[in-house]
C-alpha atoms as a PDB file:
ATOM      1  CA  UNK A   1      88.568 128.972  77.596  1.00  0.00           C
ATOM      2  CA  UNK A   2      87.512 125.418  77.700  1.00  0.00           C
ATOM      3  CA  UNK A   3      83.719 124.355  78.615  1.00  0.00           C
ATOM      4  CA  UNK A   4      82.607 121.393  79.779  1.00  0.00           C
ATOM      5  CA  UNK A   5      80.485 120.366  77.014  1.00  0.00           C
ATOM      6  CA  UNK A   6      79.351 121.907  73.462  1.00  0.00           C
ATOM      7  CA  UNK A   7      75.638 122.046  72.538  1.00  0.00           C
ATOM      8  CA  UNK A   8      73.696 123.904  69.231  1.00  0.00           C
ATOM      9  CA  UNK A   9      70.909 125.499  70.730  1.00  0.00           C
ATOM     10  CA  UNK A  10      68.320 127.032  67.765  1.00  0.00           C
ATOM     11  CA  UNK A  11      65.404 129.156  68.191  1.00  0.00           C
ATOM     12  CA  UNK A  12      62.900 129.821  65.588  1.00  0.00           C
ATOM     13  CA  UNK A  13      59.397 131.125  65.230  1.00  0.00           C
ATOM     14  CA  UNK A  14      57.100 129.227  67.453  1.00  0.00           C
ATOM     15  CA  UNK A  15      55.566 130.353  70.789  1.00  0.00           C
ATOM     16  CA  UNK A  16      57.612 129.873  73.569  1.00  0.00           C
ATOM     17  CA  UNK A  17      60.436 132.007  74.307  1.00  0.00           C
ATOM     18  CA  UNK A  18      59.985 131.663  77.998  1.00  0.00           C
ATOM     19  CA  UNK A  19      61.461 127.651  77.379  1.00  0.00           C
ATOM     20  CA  UNK A  20      64.233 129.258  75.326  1.00  0.00           C
ATOM     21  CA  UNK A  21      65.518 131.329  78.037  1.00  0.00           C
ATOM     22  CA  UNK A  22      65.583 129.178  80.692  1.00  0.00           C
ATOM     23  CA  UNK A  23      66.853 126.516  78.824  1.00  0.00           C
ATOM     24  CA  UNK A  24      69.890 129.081  77.860  1.00  0.00           C
ATOM     25  CA  UNK A  25      70.427 130.113  81.460  1.00  0.00           C
ATOM     26  CA  UNK A  26      70.570 126.730  82.521  1.00  0.00           C
ATOM     27  CA  UNK A  27      73.168 125.323  80.034  1.00  0.00           C
ATOM     28  CA  UNK A  28      75.301 128.611  80.994  1.00  0.00           C
ATOM     29  CA  UNK A  29      75.052 127.202  84.237  1.00  0.00           C
ATOM     30  CA  UNK A  30      76.123 123.655  83.417  1.00  0.00           C
ATOM     31  CA  UNK A  31      79.323 125.161  81.759  1.00  0.00           C
ATOM     32  CA  UNK A  32      78.210 124.428  78.059  1.00  0.00           C
ATOM     33  CA  UNK A  33      79.771 126.281  75.403  1.00  0.00           C
ATOM     34  CA  UNK A  34      76.423 127.611  73.298  1.00  0.00           C
ATOM     35  CA  UNK A  35      76.452 127.604  69.552  1.00  0.00           C
ATOM     36  CA  UNK A  36      73.276 130.089  69.395  1.00  0.00           C
ATOM     37  CA  UNK A  37      71.033 130.080  66.263  1.00  0.00           C
ATOM     38  CA  UNK A  38      68.002 132.377  66.064  1.00  0.00           C
ATOM     39  CA  UNK A  39      65.820 132.887  63.233  1.00  0.00           C
ATOM     40  CA  UNK A  40      64.560 136.263  61.928  1.00  0.00           C
ATOM     41  CA  UNK A  41      61.003 135.106  63.072  1.00  0.00           C
ATOM     42  CA  UNK A  42      62.430 133.825  66.667  1.00  0.00           C
ATOM     43  CA  UNK A  43      63.826 137.325  66.663  1.00  0.00           C
ATOM     44  CA  UNK A  44      60.257 138.717  66.976  1.00  0.00           C
ATOM     45  CA  UNK A  45      58.483 136.227  68.884  1.00  0.00           C
ATOM     46  CA  UNK A  46      61.356 137.051  71.380  1.00  0.00           C
ATOM     47  CA  UNK A  47      60.489 140.292  71.813  1.00  0.00           C
ATOM     48  CA  UNK A  48      56.803 140.185  72.117  1.00  0.00           C
ATOM     49  CA  UNK A  49      56.569 136.979  74.666  1.00  0.00           C
ATOM     50  CA  UNK A  50      60.003 138.011  76.722  1.00  0.00           C
ATOM     51  CA  UNK A  51      60.261 141.863  75.552  1.00  0.00           C
ATOM     52  CA  UNK A  52      64.065 141.341  74.561  1.00  0.00           C
ATOM     53  CA  UNK A  53      65.243 143.053  71.864  1.00  0.00           C
ATOM     54  CA  UNK A  54      68.313 141.146  70.284  1.00  0.00           C
ATOM     55  CA  UNK A  55      70.831 143.641  68.573  1.00  0.00           C
ATOM     56  CA  UNK A  56      70.971 142.708  64.754  1.00  0.00           C
ATOM     57  CA  UNK A  57      74.663 141.760  64.540  1.00  0.00           C
ATOM     58  CA  UNK A  58      75.660 138.466  65.874  1.00  0.00           C
ATOM     59  CA  UNK A  59      78.798 139.509  68.135  1.00  0.00           C
ATOM     60  CA  UNK A  60      76.692 142.201  69.747  1.00  0.00           C
ATOM     61  CA  UNK A  61      73.582 139.569  70.233  1.00  0.00           C
ATOM     62  CA  UNK A  62      76.372 137.301  71.767  1.00  0.00           C
ATOM     63  CA  UNK A  63      77.414 139.858  74.380  1.00  0.00           C
ATOM     64  CA  UNK A  64      73.637 141.053  75.180  1.00  0.00           C
ATOM     65  CA  UNK A  65      73.179 137.003  75.717  1.00  0.00           C
ATOM     66  CA  UNK A  66      75.967 136.854  77.763  1.00  0.00           C
ATOM     67  CA  UNK A  67      75.044 139.322  80.045  1.00  0.00           C
ATOM     68  CA  UNK A  68      71.434 138.578  80.338  1.00  0.00           C
ATOM     69  CA  UNK A  69      72.558 135.059  81.485  1.00  0.00           C
ATOM     70  CA  UNK A  70      75.791 135.882  83.210  1.00  0.00           C
ATOM     71  CA  UNK A  71      77.562 133.836  80.845  1.00  0.00           C
ATOM     72  CA  UNK A  72      81.407 133.353  80.652  1.00  0.00           C
ATOM     73  CA  UNK A  73      83.402 135.224  78.175  1.00  0.00           C
ATOM     74  CA  UNK A  74      82.843 133.191  74.681  1.00  0.00           C
ATOM     75  CA  UNK A  75      80.543 130.864  76.226  1.00  0.00           C
ATOM     76  CA  UNK A  76      77.579 131.753  73.874  1.00  0.00           C
ATOM     77  CA  UNK A  77      78.401 132.096  70.139  1.00  0.00           C
ATOM     78  CA  UNK A  78      75.941 133.876  67.876  1.00  0.00           C
ATOM     79  CA  UNK A  79      76.063 132.775  64.119  1.00  0.00           C
ATOM     80  CA  UNK A  80      73.809 134.384  61.279  1.00  0.00           C
ATOM     81  CA  UNK A  81      71.637 132.138  59.054  1.00  0.00           C
ATOM     82  CA  UNK A  82      73.796 132.577  56.285  1.00  0.00           C
ATOM     83  CA  UNK A  83      77.328 131.453  58.189  1.00  0.00           C
ATOM     84  CA  UNK A  84      78.140 128.593  56.302  1.00  0.00           C
ATOM     85  CA  UNK A  85      81.527 128.076  57.462  1.00  0.00           C
ATOM     86  CA  UNK A  86      80.543 128.392  61.346  1.00  0.00           C
ATOM     87  CA  UNK A  87      81.422 124.770  63.204  1.00  0.00           C
ATOM     88  CA  UNK A  88      77.460 123.555  63.392  1.00  0.00           C
ATOM     89  CA  UNK A  89      77.414 123.518  59.268  1.00  0.00           C
ATOM     90  CA  UNK A  90      80.137 121.007  59.260  1.00  0.00           C
ATOM     91  CA  UNK A  91      79.960 116.947  60.072  1.00  0.00           C
ATOM     92  CA  UNK A  92      83.410 117.247  61.337  1.00  0.00           C
ATOM     93  CA  UNK A  93      83.182 120.250  63.592  1.00  0.00           C
ATOM     94  CA  UNK A  94      79.526 120.393  64.905  1.00  0.00           C
ATOM     95  CA  UNK A  95      78.289 119.539  68.310  1.00  0.00           C
ATOM     96  CA  UNK A  96      77.111 115.661  68.496  1.00  0.00           C
ATOM     97  CA  UNK A  97      73.775 117.189  70.337  1.00  0.00           C
ATOM     98  CA  UNK A  98      71.241 119.932  69.591  1.00  0.00           C
ATOM     99  CA  UNK A  99      67.810 121.417  70.487  1.00  0.00           C
ATOM    100  CA  UNK A 100      65.592 123.379  68.752  1.00  0.00           C
ATOM    101  CA  UNK A 101      63.346 125.483  71.379  1.00  0.00           C
ATOM    102  CA  UNK A 102      61.114 126.693  70.259  1.00  0.00           C
ATOM    103  CA  UNK A 103      60.319 124.529  67.361  1.00  0.00           C
ATOM    104  CA  UNK A 104      58.067 125.896  64.456  1.00  0.00           C
ATOM    105  CA  UNK A 105      56.398 123.579  62.160  1.00  0.00           C
ATOM    106  CA  UNK A 106      58.143 125.402  59.438  1.00  0.00           C
ATOM    107  CA  UNK A 107      61.936 123.975  60.736  1.00  0.00           C
ATOM    108  CA  UNK A 108      59.846 120.571  61.325  1.00  0.00           C
ATOM    109  CA  UNK A 109      59.114 120.369  57.864  1.00  0.00           C
ATOM    110  CA  UNK A 110      62.680 121.656  56.291  1.00  0.00           C
ATOM    111  CA  UNK A 111      64.270 119.274  58.541  1.00  0.00           C
ATOM    112  CA  UNK A 112      61.870 116.341  57.731  1.00  0.00           C
ATOM    113  CA  UNK A 113      62.614 116.905  53.960  1.00  0.00           C
ATOM    114  CA  UNK A 114      66.555 117.993  54.070  1.00  0.00           C
ATOM    115  CA  UNK A 115      66.115 121.681  52.794  1.00  0.00           C
ATOM    116  CA  UNK A 116      69.445 123.013  54.551  1.00  0.00           C
ATOM    117  CA  UNK A 117      68.130 126.466  53.633  1.00  0.00           C
ATOM    118  CA  UNK A 118      69.477 128.214  56.228  1.00  0.00           C
ATOM    119  CA  UNK A 119      71.800 127.623  59.425  1.00  0.00           C
ATOM    120  CA  UNK A 120      69.269 126.545  62.007  1.00  0.00           C
ATOM    121  CA  UNK A 121      68.101 123.520  59.139  1.00  0.00           C
ATOM    122  CA  UNK A 122      71.716 122.824  57.693  1.00  0.00           C
ATOM    123  CA  UNK A 123      72.963 122.422  61.502  1.00  0.00           C
ATOM    124  CA  UNK A 124      69.930 119.696  62.651  1.00  0.00           C
ATOM    125  CA  UNK A 125      70.741 117.768  59.119  1.00  0.00           C
ATOM    126  CA  UNK A 126      74.338 117.526  60.717  1.00  0.00           C
ATOM    127  CA  UNK A 127      73.220 116.131  63.620  1.00  0.00           C
ATOM    128  CA  UNK A 128      70.892 113.836  62.081  1.00  0.00           C
ATOM    129  CA  UNK A 129      73.524 112.509  59.519  1.00  0.00           C
ATOM    130  CA  UNK A 130      75.986 112.435  61.947  1.00  0.00           C
ATOM    131  CA  UNK A 131      73.768 109.796  64.022  1.00  0.00           C
ATOM    132  CA  UNK A 132      73.856 112.755  67.315  1.00  0.00           C
ATOM    133  CA  UNK A 133      71.182 113.539  69.717  1.00  0.00           C
ATOM    134  CA  UNK A 134      68.336 116.205  67.973  1.00  0.00           C
ATOM    135  CA  UNK A 135      65.474 117.625  70.467  1.00  0.00           C
ATOM    136  CA  UNK A 136      62.495 119.311  68.719  1.00  0.00           C
ATOM    137  CA  UNK A 137      60.266 121.025  70.859  1.00  0.00           C
ATOM    138  CA  UNK A 138      57.554 122.225  68.989  1.00  0.00           C
ATOM    139  CA  UNK A 139      54.648 124.745  70.104  1.00  0.00           C
ATOM    140  CA  UNK A 140      51.632 124.364  68.018  1.00  0.00           C
ATOM    141  CA  UNK A 141      47.586 123.262  68.236  1.00  0.00           C
ATOM    142  CA  UNK A 142      46.341 121.738  66.852  1.00  0.00           C
ATOM    143  CA  UNK A 143      48.847 119.472  64.845  1.00  0.00           C
ATOM    144  CA  UNK A 144      47.676 118.666  61.448  1.00  0.00           C
ATOM    145  CA  UNK A 145      48.087 115.725  59.646  1.00  0.00           C
ATOM    146  CA  UNK A 146      51.296 117.003  57.583  1.00  0.00           C
ATOM    147  CA  UNK A 147      52.745 118.563  61.028  1.00  0.00           C
ATOM    148  CA  UNK A 148      52.304 114.800  62.436  1.00  0.00           C
ATOM    149  CA  UNK A 149      53.867 112.800  59.631  1.00  0.00           C
ATOM    150  CA  UNK A 150      56.742 114.940  59.794  1.00  0.00           C
ATOM    151  CA  UNK A 151      57.420 114.646  63.049  1.00  0.00           C
ATOM    152  CA  UNK A 152      56.966 111.059  62.466  1.00  0.00           C
ATOM    153  CA  UNK A 153      59.062 110.568  60.009  1.00  0.00           C
ATOM    154  CA  UNK A 154      61.803 112.268  62.248  1.00  0.00           C
ATOM    155  CA  UNK A 155      60.926 110.483  65.505  1.00  0.00           C
ATOM    156  CA  UNK A 156      61.666 107.145  63.542  1.00  0.00           C
ATOM    157  CA  UNK A 157      64.960 108.803  62.565  1.00  0.00           C
ATOM    158  CA  UNK A 158      66.064 109.112  66.055  1.00  0.00           C
ATOM    159  CA  UNK A 159      64.885 112.538  66.710  1.00  0.00           C
ATOM    160  CA  UNK A 160      63.594 113.126  69.856  1.00  0.00           C
ATOM    161  CA  UNK A 161      60.192 114.940  69.929  1.00  0.00           C
ATOM    162  CA  UNK A 162      59.197 116.913  72.875  1.00  0.00           C
ATOM    163  CA  UNK A 163      56.160 118.859  72.532  1.00  0.00           C
ATOM    164  CA  UNK A 164      55.790 121.943  75.159  1.00  0.00           C
ATOM    165  CA  UNK A 165      53.389 120.109  76.842  1.00  0.00           C
ATOM    166  CA  UNK A 166      53.929 120.568  80.968  1.00  0.00           C
ATOM    167  CA  UNK A 167      52.391 118.398  83.547  1.00  0.00           C
ATOM    168  CA  UNK A 168      50.188 119.336  86.539  1.00  0.00           C
ATOM    169  CA  UNK A 169      50.961 116.637  88.896  1.00  0.00           C
ATOM    170  CA  UNK A 170      53.794 118.934  90.672  1.00  0.00           C
ATOM    171  CA  UNK A 171      50.947 121.639  91.410  1.00  0.00           C
ATOM    172  CA  UNK A 172      52.964 124.195  89.829  1.00  0.00           C
ATOM    173  CA  UNK A 173      51.436 127.412  91.151  1.00  0.00           C
ATOM    174  CA  UNK A 174      53.417 129.974  88.569  1.00  0.00           C
ATOM    175  CA  UNK A 175      54.090 129.924  84.717  1.00  0.00           C
ATOM    176  CA  UNK A 176      57.272 129.930  85.957  1.00  0.00           C
ATOM    177  CA  UNK A 177      56.647 126.614  87.316  1.00  0.00           C
ATOM    178  CA  UNK A 178      55.156 125.130  83.727  1.00  0.00           C
ATOM    179  CA  UNK A 179      58.253 126.562  82.107  1.00  0.00           C
ATOM    180  CA  UNK A 180      60.376 125.032  84.522  1.00  0.00           C
ATOM    181  CA  UNK A 181      58.575 121.773  83.896  1.00  0.00           C
ATOM    182  CA  UNK A 182      59.317 121.156  79.783  1.00  0.00           C
ATOM    183  CA  UNK A 183      62.737 123.040  80.692  1.00  0.00           C
ATOM    184  CA  UNK A 184      63.551 120.049  83.228  1.00  0.00           C
ATOM    185  CA  UNK A 185      62.461 117.313  80.686  1.00  0.00           C
ATOM    186  CA  UNK A 186      64.629 118.357  78.134  1.00  0.00           C
ATOM    187  CA  UNK A 187      67.461 119.002  80.733  1.00  0.00           C
ATOM    188  CA  UNK A 188      66.557 115.142  81.875  1.00  0.00           C
ATOM    189  CA  UNK A 189      66.944 113.996  78.075  1.00  0.00           C
ATOM    190  CA  UNK A 190      70.521 115.560  77.703  1.00  0.00           C
ATOM    191  CA  UNK A 191      71.648 113.984  81.191  1.00  0.00           C
ATOM    192  CA  UNK A 192      72.184 117.545  82.803  1.00  0.00           C
ATOM    193  CA  UNK A 193      71.629 117.863  86.701  1.00  0.00           C
ATOM    194  CA  UNK A 194      68.709 120.056  87.460  1.00  0.00           C
ATOM    195  CA  UNK A 195      66.849 121.028  90.294  1.00  0.00           C
ATOM    196  CA  UNK A 196      63.969 122.321  88.504  1.00  0.00           C
ATOM    197  CA  UNK A 197      61.653 119.698  88.921  1.00  0.00           C
ATOM    198  CA  UNK A 198      61.823 116.456  91.339  1.00  0.00           C
ATOM    199  CA  UNK A 199      61.521 113.134  89.402  1.00  0.00           C
ATOM    200  CA  UNK A 200      58.065 111.297  89.467  1.00  0.00           C
ATOM    201  CA  UNK A 201      58.044 109.651  92.951  1.00  0.00           C
ATOM    202  CA  UNK A 202      60.352 111.682  94.857  1.00  0.00           C
ATOM    203  CA  UNK A 203      57.708 114.587  95.588  1.00  0.00           C
ATOM    204  CA  UNK A 204      56.784 115.003  99.044  1.00  0.00           C
ATOM    205  CA  UNK A 205      53.740 113.329 100.095  1.00  0.00           C
ATOM    206  CA  UNK A 206      50.816 115.274 101.323  1.00  0.00           C
END
């Protein structure tokens, strides 16, 4: 089945799974084919924060998430951390766009230093070397100097760092409003139309 675009989406062990799930639903709605990478730590956080227990097998996890997001057949493809022959591991076939949401500081460090010890790190390394678009959504507080130096190095390489920092000028009423704010900004940077948040200056006057 053909899709409008392709993207790699990775979930790591930082807090912030509601952001990841809403982004996944938005990408499905936008008719993207999603190459999904989920770390072992992310699966633990996902169960803790969203009460979702993913099957351990990649194909069953993809089937589970397809039902959860109402995705089309083969729209979501999951890969294990050691599937080195997957498309995202190669510069000749990987999507040119990747989002890591949420992004742990351990993942940030590994990407900064080119570790490529698992498929998430390798996929990010591929996007950087191929001069694609890599967006990181770190969720940490406070940032240490180590964190800031690593993020600065990546920003200098063209990586977009978007901390999970929702705004309040739109007068959020629920947690979903706060989550939607952050995901809307990610979608804006991906040039994907969204209705989660009105652009600044377009909010109805009080």
